[in-house]
PDB file of N, CA and C in Angstrom:
ATOM      1  N   MET A   1      62.966  26.050 116.512  1.00  0.00           N
ATOM      2  CA  MET A   1      63.608  26.323 115.241  1.00  0.00           C
ATOM      3  C   MET A   1      62.531  26.680 114.216  1.00  0.00           C
ATOM      4  N   PRO A   2      62.614  27.847 113.598  1.00  0.00           N
ATOM      5  CA  PRO A   2      61.583  28.242 112.637  1.00  0.00           C
ATOM      6  C   PRO A   2      61.652  27.387 111.373  1.00  0.00           C
ATOM      7  N   ARG A   3      60.460  27.074 110.871  1.00  0.00           N
ATOM      8  CA  ARG A   3      60.403  26.306 109.628  1.00  0.00           C
ATOM      9  C   ARG A   3      60.639  27.242 108.463  1.00  0.00           C
ATOM     10  N   ASN A   4      61.108  26.695 107.356  1.00  0.00           N
ATOM     11  CA  ASN A   4      61.350  27.562 106.212  1.00  0.00           C
ATOM     12  C   ASN A   4      60.041  27.872 105.491  1.00  0.00           C
ATOM     13  N   ASP A   5      60.112  28.846 104.612  1.00  0.00           N
ATOM     14  CA  ASP A   5      58.921  29.352 103.936  1.00  0.00           C
ATOM     15  C   ASP A   5      58.167  28.274 103.182  1.00  0.00           C
ATOM     16  N   ILE A   6      58.860  27.453 102.407  1.00  0.00           N
ATOM     17  CA  ILE A   6      58.160  26.467 101.580  1.00  0.00           C
ATOM     18  C   ILE A   6      57.430  25.451 102.448  1.00  0.00           C
ATOM     19  N   ASP A   7      57.985  25.096 103.593  1.00  0.00           N
ATOM     20  CA  ASP A   7      57.297  24.158 104.484  1.00  0.00           C
ATOM     21  C   ASP A   7      56.008  24.766 105.021  1.00  0.00           C
ATOM     22  N   ARG A   8      56.041  26.030 105.374  1.00  0.00           N
ATOM     23  CA  ARG A   8      54.838  26.718 105.870  1.00  0.00           C
ATOM     24  C   ARG A   8      53.779  26.795 104.773  1.00  0.00           C
ATOM     25  N   ILE A   9      54.197  27.116 103.558  1.00  0.00           N
ATOM     26  CA  ILE A   9      53.260  27.213 102.437  1.00  0.00           C
ATOM     27  C   ILE A   9      52.662  25.838 102.143  1.00  0.00           C
ATOM     28  N   ARG A  10      53.501  24.818 102.084  1.00  0.00           N
ATOM     29  CA  ARG A  10      53.013  23.458 101.808  1.00  0.00           C
ATOM     30  C   ARG A  10      52.013  22.995 102.857  1.00  0.00           C
ATOM     31  N   GLU A  11      52.280  23.323 104.117  1.00  0.00           N
ATOM     32  CA  GLU A  11      51.355  22.929 105.178  1.00  0.00           C
ATOM     33  C   GLU A  11      49.977  23.542 104.947  1.00  0.00           C
ATOM     34  N   LYS A  12      49.934  24.805 104.571  1.00  0.00           N
ATOM     35  CA  LYS A  12      48.649  25.468 104.301  1.00  0.00           C
ATOM     36  C   LYS A  12      47.925  24.797 103.135  1.00  0.00           C
ATOM     37  N   ILE A  13      48.676  24.399 102.105  1.00  0.00           N
ATOM     38  CA  ILE A  13      48.068  23.721 100.955  1.00  0.00           C
ATOM     39  C   ILE A  13      47.536  22.354 101.384  1.00  0.00           C
ATOM     40  N   ARG A  14      48.342  21.597 102.095  1.00  0.00           N
ATOM     41  CA  ARG A  14      47.920  20.257 102.538  1.00  0.00           C
ATOM     42  C   ARG A  14      46.673  20.311 103.411  1.00  0.00           C
ATOM     43  N   LEU A  15      46.597  21.313 104.271  1.00  0.00           N
ATOM     44  CA  LEU A  15      45.463  21.445 105.194  1.00  0.00           C
ATOM     45  C   LEU A  15      44.273  22.165 104.561  1.00  0.00           C
ATOM     46  N   ARG A  16      44.411  22.517 103.283  1.00  0.00           N
ATOM     47  CA  ARG A  16      43.366  23.255 102.542  1.00  0.00           C
ATOM     48  C   ARG A  16      43.066  24.602 103.206  1.00  0.00           C
ATOM     49  N   GLN A  17      44.091  25.174 103.803  1.00  0.00           N
ATOM     50  CA  GLN A  17      43.957  26.479 104.446  1.00  0.00           C
ATOM     51  C   GLN A  17      44.500  27.551 103.516  1.00  0.00           C
ATOM     52  N   TYR A  18      43.877  27.627 102.332  1.00  0.00           N
ATOM     53  CA  TYR A  18      44.293  28.625 101.360  1.00  0.00           C
ATOM     54  C   TYR A  18      43.075  29.138 100.608  1.00  0.00           C
ATOM     55  N   ASP A  19      43.233  30.315 100.058  1.00  0.00           N
ATOM     56  CA  ASP A  19      42.212  30.942  99.225  1.00  0.00           C
ATOM     57  C   ASP A  19      42.871  31.311  97.910  1.00  0.00           C
ATOM     58  N   MET A  20      42.037  31.452  96.875  1.00  0.00           N
ATOM     59  CA  MET A  20      42.543  31.880  95.568  1.00  0.00           C
ATOM     60  C   MET A  20      41.826  33.152  95.163  1.00  0.00           C
ATOM     61  N   SER A  21      42.587  34.110  94.678  1.00  0.00           N
ATOM     62  CA  SER A  21      41.980  35.340  94.168  1.00  0.00           C
ATOM     63  C   SER A  21      41.232  35.023  92.877  1.00  0.00           C
ATOM     64  N   ALA A  22      40.300  35.894  92.525  1.00  0.00           N
ATOM     65  CA  ALA A  22      39.583  35.746  91.255  1.00  0.00           C
ATOM     66  C   ALA A  22      40.579  35.767  90.104  1.00  0.00           C
ATOM     67  N   HIS A  23      41.584  36.609  90.216  1.00  0.00           N
ATOM     68  CA  HIS A  23      42.609  36.696  89.173  1.00  0.00           C
ATOM     69  C   HIS A  23      43.332  35.356  89.010  1.00  0.00           C
ATOM     70  N   ALA A  24      43.684  34.715  90.122  1.00  0.00           N
ATOM     71  CA  ALA A  24      44.372  33.421  90.061  1.00  0.00           C
ATOM     72  C   ALA A  24      43.494  32.380  89.381  1.00  0.00           C
ATOM     73  N   MET A  25      42.207  32.391  89.683  1.00  0.00           N
ATOM     74  CA  MET A  25      41.297  31.424  89.073  1.00  0.00           C
ATOM     75  C   MET A  25      41.167  31.670  87.570  1.00  0.00           C
ATOM     76  N   GLU A  26      41.127  32.940  87.173  1.00  0.00           N
ATOM     77  CA  GLU A  26      41.057  33.273  85.744  1.00  0.00           C
ATOM     78  C   GLU A  26      42.324  32.825  85.022  1.00  0.00           C
ATOM     79  N   GLU A  27      43.471  33.110  85.609  1.00  0.00           N
ATOM     80  CA  GLU A  27      44.743  32.733  84.991  1.00  0.00           C
ATOM     81  C   GLU A  27      44.900  31.212  84.919  1.00  0.00           C
ATOM     82  N   MET A  28      44.445  30.534  85.959  1.00  0.00           N
ATOM     83  CA  MET A  28      44.511  29.083  85.982  1.00  0.00           C
ATOM     84  C   MET A  28      43.699  28.508  84.815  1.00  0.00           C
ATOM     85  N   ALA A  29      42.492  29.010  84.629  1.00  0.00           N
ATOM     86  CA  ALA A  29      41.633  28.541  83.536  1.00  0.00           C
ATOM     87  C   ALA A  29      42.237  28.884  82.177  1.00  0.00           C
ATOM     88  N   GLU A  30      42.779  30.085  82.065  1.00  0.00           N
ATOM     89  CA  GLU A  30      43.372  30.528  80.800  1.00  0.00           C
ATOM     90  C   GLU A  30      44.539  29.635  80.378  1.00  0.00           C
ATOM     91  N   ASP A  31      45.308  29.158  81.355  1.00  0.00           N
ATOM     92  CA  ASP A  31      46.453  28.295  81.065  1.00  0.00           C
ATOM     93  C   ASP A  31      46.093  26.808  81.108  1.00  0.00           C
ATOM     94  N   LEU A  32      44.783  26.522  81.198  1.00  0.00           N
ATOM     95  CA  LEU A  32      44.280  25.138  81.217  1.00  0.00           C
ATOM     96  C   LEU A  32      44.866  24.324  82.369  1.00  0.00           C
ATOM     97  N   LEU A  33      45.010  24.967  83.511  1.00  0.00           N
ATOM     98  CA  LEU A  33      45.488  24.303  84.713  1.00  0.00           C
ATOM     99  C   LEU A  33      44.305  24.037  85.635  1.00  0.00           C
ATOM    100  N   THR A  34      44.433  23.027  86.480  1.00  0.00           N
ATOM    101  CA  THR A  34      43.399  22.723  87.463  1.00  0.00           C
ATOM    102  C   THR A  34      43.915  23.066  88.859  1.00  0.00           C
ATOM    103  N   ILE A  35      43.015  23.052  89.820  1.00  0.00           N
ATOM    104  CA  ILE A  35      43.423  23.300  91.197  1.00  0.00           C
ATOM    105  C   ILE A  35      44.412  22.222  91.656  1.00  0.00           C
ATOM    106  N   LEU A  36      44.234  21.001  91.157  1.00  0.00           N
ATOM    107  CA  LEU A  36      45.166  19.927  91.515  1.00  0.00           C
ATOM    108  C   LEU A  36      46.560  20.192  90.954  1.00  0.00           C
ATOM    109  N   ASP A  37      46.624  20.799  89.763  1.00  0.00           N
ATOM    110  CA  ASP A  37      47.924  21.181  89.200  1.00  0.00           C
ATOM    111  C   ASP A  37      48.611  22.213  90.089  1.00  0.00           C
ATOM    112  N   VAL A  38      47.831  23.175  90.558  1.00  0.00           N
ATOM    113  CA  VAL A  38      48.377  24.241  91.408  1.00  0.00           C
ATOM    114  C   VAL A  38      48.862  23.658  92.734  1.00  0.00           C
ATOM    115  N   GLU A  39      48.032  22.829  93.356  1.00  0.00           N
ATOM    116  CA  GLU A  39      48.437  22.206  94.616  1.00  0.00           C
ATOM    117  C   GLU A  39      49.712  21.378  94.431  1.00  0.00           C
ATOM    118  N   GLU A  40      49.754  20.582  93.373  1.00  0.00           N
ATOM    119  CA  GLU A  40      50.924  19.737  93.113  1.00  0.00           C
ATOM    120  C   GLU A  40      52.178  20.580  92.906  1.00  0.00           C
ATOM    121  N   ALA A  41      52.042  21.679  92.172  1.00  0.00           N
ATOM    122  CA  ALA A  41      53.193  22.551  91.919  1.00  0.00           C
ATOM    123  C   ALA A  41      53.764  23.104  93.222  1.00  0.00           C
ATOM    124  N   VAL A  42      52.892  23.477  94.147  1.00  0.00           N
ATOM    125  CA  VAL A  42      53.372  23.984  95.435  1.00  0.00           C
ATOM    126  C   VAL A  42      53.998  22.852  96.249  1.00  0.00           C
ATOM    127  N   LEU A  43      53.370  21.691  96.237  1.00  0.00           N
ATOM    128  CA  LEU A  43      53.859  20.581  97.051  1.00  0.00           C
ATOM    129  C   LEU A  43      55.201  20.033  96.577  1.00  0.00           C
ATOM    130  N   ASN A  44      55.495  20.151  95.264  1.00  0.00           N
ATOM    131  CA  ASN A  44      56.784  19.645  94.782  1.00  0.00           C
ATOM    132  C   ASN A  44      57.746  20.763  94.381  1.00  0.00           C
ATOM    133  N   GLY A  45      57.301  22.003  94.507  1.00  0.00           N
ATOM    134  CA  GLY A  45      58.099  23.125  94.033  1.00  0.00           C
ATOM    135  C   GLY A  45      59.014  23.736  95.079  1.00  0.00           C
ATOM    136  N   GLN A  46      59.657  24.800  94.662  1.00  0.00           N
ATOM    137  CA  GLN A  46      60.568  25.547  95.526  1.00  0.00           C
ATOM    138  C   GLN A  46      60.269  27.035  95.419  1.00  0.00           C
ATOM    139  N   VAL A  47      60.536  27.751  96.483  1.00  0.00           N
ATOM    140  CA  VAL A  47      60.432  29.208  96.450  1.00  0.00           C
ATOM    141  C   VAL A  47      61.624  29.710  95.640  1.00  0.00           C
ATOM    142  N   ILE A  48      61.332  30.380  94.525  1.00  0.00           N
ATOM    143  CA  ILE A  48      62.429  30.888  93.694  1.00  0.00           C
ATOM    144  C   ILE A  48      62.687  32.368  93.942  1.00  0.00           C
ATOM    145  N   ARG A  49      61.707  33.046  94.543  1.00  0.00           N
ATOM    146  CA  ARG A  49      61.894  34.469  94.824  1.00  0.00           C
ATOM    147  C   ARG A  49      60.961  34.884  95.958  1.00  0.00           C
ATOM    148  N   VAL A  50      61.422  35.817  96.754  1.00  0.00           N
ATOM    149  CA  VAL A  50      60.635  36.417  97.829  1.00  0.00           C
ATOM    150  C   VAL A  50      60.640  37.913  97.587  1.00  0.00           C
ATOM    151  N   GLU A  51      59.455  38.508  97.541  1.00  0.00           N
ATOM    152  CA  GLU A  51      59.334  39.954  97.319  1.00  0.00           C
ATOM    153  C   GLU A  51      58.748  40.601  98.565  1.00  0.00           C
ATOM    154  N   LYS A  52      59.508  41.516  99.151  1.00  0.00           N
ATOM    155  CA  LYS A  52      59.094  42.144 100.404  1.00  0.00           C
ATOM    156  C   LYS A  52      58.673  43.593 100.233  1.00  0.00           C
ATOM    157  N   ASP A  53      58.483  44.028  98.985  1.00  0.00           N
ATOM    158  CA  ASP A  53      58.205  45.441  98.726  1.00  0.00           C
ATOM    159  C   ASP A  53      56.720  45.793  98.703  1.00  0.00           C
ATOM    160  N   ASP A  54      55.835  44.847  98.961  1.00  0.00           N
ATOM    161  CA  ASP A  54      54.392  45.089  98.927  1.00  0.00           C
ATOM    162  C   ASP A  54      53.900  45.358 100.348  1.00  0.00           C
ATOM    163  N   PRO A  55      53.213  46.474 100.574  1.00  0.00           N
ATOM    164  CA  PRO A  55      52.740  46.781 101.926  1.00  0.00           C
ATOM    165  C   PRO A  55      51.715  45.778 102.459  1.00  0.00           C
ATOM    166  N   ARG A  56      51.116  44.987 101.565  1.00  0.00           N
ATOM    167  CA  ARG A  56      50.126  43.991 101.997  1.00  0.00           C
ATOM    168  C   ARG A  56      50.781  42.727 102.535  1.00  0.00           C
ATOM    169  N   GLY A  57      52.090  42.604 102.351  1.00  0.00           N
ATOM    170  CA  GLY A  57      52.795  41.444 102.887  1.00  0.00           C
ATOM    171  C   GLY A  57      53.781  40.852 101.908  1.00  0.00           C
ATOM    172  N   THR A  58      54.651  40.036 102.431  1.00  0.00           N
ATOM    173  CA  THR A  58      55.676  39.373 101.634  1.00  0.00           C
ATOM    174  C   THR A  58      55.031  38.406 100.653  1.00  0.00           C
ATOM    175  N   LYS A  59      55.479  38.467  99.389  1.00  0.00           N
ATOM    176  CA  LYS A  59      54.990  37.546  98.358  1.00  0.00           C
ATOM    177  C   LYS A  59      56.044  36.483  98.103  1.00  0.00           C
ATOM    178  N   TYR A  60      55.551  35.259  97.885  1.00  0.00           N
ATOM    179  CA  TYR A  60      56.417  34.120  97.600  1.00  0.00           C
ATOM    180  C   TYR A  60      56.106  33.610  96.201  1.00  0.00           C
ATOM    181  N   ILE A  61      57.127  33.449  95.379  1.00  0.00           N
ATOM    182  CA  ILE A  61      56.966  32.897  94.037  1.00  0.00           C
ATOM    183  C   ILE A  61      57.503  31.472  94.093  1.00  0.00           C
ATOM    184  N   VAL A  62      56.589  30.525  93.898  1.00  0.00           N
ATOM    185  CA  VAL A  62      56.919  29.101  93.942  1.00  0.00           C
ATOM    186  C   VAL A  62      56.804  28.550  92.530  1.00  0.00           C
ATOM    187  N   VAL A  63      57.784  27.767  92.114  1.00  0.00           N
ATOM    188  CA  VAL A  63      57.713  27.087  90.820  1.00  0.00           C
ATOM    189  C   VAL A  63      57.881  25.595  91.056  1.00  0.00           C
ATOM    190  N   GLY A  64      56.934  24.839  90.489  1.00  0.00           N
ATOM    191  CA  GLY A  64      56.959  23.384  90.571  1.00  0.00           C
ATOM    192  C   GLY A  64      56.325  22.819  89.318  1.00  0.00           C
ATOM    193  N   THR A  65      56.027  21.534  89.332  1.00  0.00           N
ATOM    194  CA  THR A  65      55.402  20.925  88.163  1.00  0.00           C
ATOM    195  C   THR A  65      53.967  20.525  88.469  1.00  0.00           C
ATOM    196  N   ALA A  66      53.153  20.564  87.419  1.00  0.00           N
ATOM    197  CA  ALA A  66      51.748  20.180  87.514  1.00  0.00           C
ATOM    198  C   ALA A  66      51.637  18.676  87.746  1.00  0.00           C
ATOM    199  N   LEU A  67      50.411  18.207  87.856  1.00  0.00           N
ATOM    200  CA  LEU A  67      50.160  16.787  88.081  1.00  0.00           C
ATOM    201  C   LEU A  67      50.821  15.883  87.053  1.00  0.00           C
ATOM    202  N   ASP A  68      50.965  16.364  85.815  1.00  0.00           N
ATOM    203  CA  ASP A  68      51.589  15.545  84.770  1.00  0.00           C
ATOM    204  C   ASP A  68      53.101  15.405  84.965  1.00  0.00           C
ATOM    205  N   GLN A  69      53.637  16.084  85.976  1.00  0.00           N
ATOM    206  CA  GLN A  69      55.064  16.075  86.308  1.00  0.00           C
ATOM    207  C   GLN A  69      55.944  16.606  85.179  1.00  0.00           C
ATOM    208  N   GLN A  70      55.332  17.357  84.247  1.00  0.00           N
ATOM    209  CA  GLN A  70      56.080  17.938  83.136  1.00  0.00           C
ATOM    210  C   GLN A  70      55.846  19.435  82.996  1.00  0.00           C
ATOM    211  N   THR A  71      54.613  19.862  83.185  1.00  0.00           N
ATOM    212  CA  THR A  71      54.258  21.260  82.966  1.00  0.00           C
ATOM    213  C   THR A  71      54.744  22.114  84.127  1.00  0.00           C
ATOM    214  N   PRO A  72      55.649  23.072  83.877  1.00  0.00           N
ATOM    215  CA  PRO A  72      56.103  23.950  84.955  1.00  0.00           C
ATOM    216  C   PRO A  72      55.037  24.997  85.282  1.00  0.00           C
ATOM    217  N   VAL A  73      54.778  25.162  86.563  1.00  0.00           N
ATOM    218  CA  VAL A  73      53.728  26.066  87.032  1.00  0.00           C
ATOM    219  C   VAL A  73      54.310  27.026  88.062  1.00  0.00           C
ATOM    220  N   GLY A  74      53.989  28.314  87.906  1.00  0.00           N
ATOM    221  CA  GLY A  74      54.361  29.327  88.879  1.00  0.00           C
ATOM    222  C   GLY A  74      53.154  29.690  89.722  1.00  0.00           C
ATOM    223  N   VAL A  75      53.365  29.833  91.014  1.00  0.00           N
ATOM    224  CA  VAL A  75      52.293  30.174  91.945  1.00  0.00           C
ATOM    225  C   VAL A  75      52.799  31.317  92.819  1.00  0.00           C
ATOM    226  N   VAL A  76      52.089  32.438  92.779  1.00  0.00           N
ATOM    227  CA  VAL A  76      52.463  33.605  93.576  1.00  0.00           C
ATOM    228  C   VAL A  76      51.441  33.760  94.691  1.00  0.00           C
ATOM    229  N   GLY A  77      51.921  33.894  95.925  1.00  0.00           N
ATOM    230  CA  GLY A  77      50.993  34.033  97.040  1.00  0.00           C
ATOM    231  C   GLY A  77      51.625  34.709  98.238  1.00  0.00           C
ATOM    232  N   ARG A  78      50.785  34.894  99.257  1.00  0.00           N
ATOM    233  CA  ARG A  78      51.239  35.497 100.519  1.00  0.00           C
ATOM    234  C   ARG A  78      50.393  34.940 101.658  1.00  0.00           C
ATOM    235  N   PHE A  79      50.913  35.055 102.855  1.00  0.00           N
ATOM    236  CA  PHE A  79      50.138  34.686 104.031  1.00  0.00           C
ATOM    237  C   PHE A  79      49.199  35.843 104.345  1.00  0.00           C
ATOM    238  N   ALA A  80      47.916  35.538 104.445  1.00  0.00           N
ATOM    239  CA  ALA A  80      46.901  36.566 104.689  1.00  0.00           C
ATOM    240  C   ALA A  80      46.711  36.775 106.189  1.00  0.00           C
ATOM    241  N   SER A  81      46.077  37.880 106.530  1.00  0.00           N
ATOM    242  CA  SER A  81      45.822  38.189 107.940  1.00  0.00           C
ATOM    243  C   SER A  81      44.873  37.172 108.576  1.00  0.00           C
ATOM    244  N   THR A  82      44.133  36.428 107.762  1.00  0.00           N
ATOM    245  CA  THR A  82      43.224  35.394 108.262  1.00  0.00           C
ATOM    246  C   THR A  82      43.971  34.159 108.743  1.00  0.00           C
ATOM    247  N   GLY A  83      45.253  34.073 108.377  1.00  0.00           N
ATOM    248  CA  GLY A  83      46.035  32.885 108.690  1.00  0.00           C
ATOM    249  C   GLY A  83      46.128  31.935 107.513  1.00  0.00           C
ATOM    250  N   ASN A  84      45.242  32.111 106.537  1.00  0.00           N
ATOM    251  CA  ASN A  84      45.293  31.294 105.325  1.00  0.00           C
ATOM    252  C   ASN A  84      46.390  31.793 104.400  1.00  0.00           C
ATOM    253  N   TYR A  85      46.728  30.960 103.428  1.00  0.00           N
ATOM    254  CA  TYR A  85      47.653  31.356 102.373  1.00  0.00           C
ATOM    255  C   TYR A  85      46.803  31.828 101.205  1.00  0.00           C
ATOM    256  N   LEU A  86      47.090  32.994 100.678  1.00  0.00           N
ATOM    257  CA  LEU A  86      46.334  33.558  99.561  1.00  0.00           C
ATOM    258  C   LEU A  86      47.132  33.388  98.284  1.00  0.00           C
ATOM    259  N   ILE A  87      46.573  32.632  97.341  1.00  0.00           N
ATOM    260  CA  ILE A  87      47.198  32.477  96.029  1.00  0.00           C
ATOM    261  C   ILE A  87      46.723  33.637  95.173  1.00  0.00           C
ATOM    262  N   ILE A  88      47.665  34.476  94.759  1.00  0.00           N
ATOM    263  CA  ILE A  88      47.363  35.711  94.044  1.00  0.00           C
ATOM    264  C   ILE A  88      47.262  35.481  92.551  1.00  0.00           C
ATOM    265  N   THR A  89      48.195  34.716  92.009  1.00  0.00           N
ATOM    266  CA  THR A  89      48.154  34.393  90.585  1.00  0.00           C
ATOM    267  C   THR A  89      48.855  33.069  90.343  1.00  0.00           C
ATOM    268  N   VAL A  90      48.530  32.495  89.193  1.00  0.00           N
ATOM    269  CA  VAL A  90      49.043  31.194  88.779  1.00  0.00           C
ATOM    270  C   VAL A  90      49.368  31.301  87.298  1.00  0.00           C
ATOM    271  N   TYR A  91      50.431  30.644  86.865  1.00  0.00           N
ATOM    272  CA  TYR A  91      50.762  30.707  85.439  1.00  0.00           C
ATOM    273  C   TYR A  91      51.611  29.511  85.039  1.00  0.00           C
ATOM    274  N   GLU A  92      51.500  29.145  83.757  1.00  0.00           N
ATOM    275  CA  GLU A  92      52.388  28.129  83.210  1.00  0.00           C
ATOM    276  C   GLU A  92      53.694  28.820  82.863  1.00  0.00           C
ATOM    277  N   VAL A  93      54.784  28.298  83.369  1.00  0.00           N
ATOM    278  CA  VAL A  93      56.098  28.882  83.110  1.00  0.00           C
ATOM    279  C   VAL A  93      56.524  28.462  81.706  1.00  0.00           C
ATOM    280  N   THR A  94      56.823  29.469  80.880  1.00  0.00           N
ATOM    281  CA  THR A  94      57.227  29.155  79.502  1.00  0.00           C
ATOM    282  C   THR A  94      58.659  29.575  79.255  1.00  0.00           C
TER     283      THR A  94
END
């Protein structure tokens, strides 16, 4: 039985099998978020949208809460050819 998308993404986060783009790191800093906030948002969040129109692969938009359990955080990523999950961008949902 295939696992759902969020379970696959969470597993990559838990196993630290993910990479972050330079853009994601810049956006994270700009919104005063930490890597722990991003990880927490994925671990407690849900996939709110799946975009299949990018030739580089399906993108998943996950929204969850930061470590403070109050700040909503969006995390956009895709499964990379390396097998890791690539976090493309991060943002505070306003």
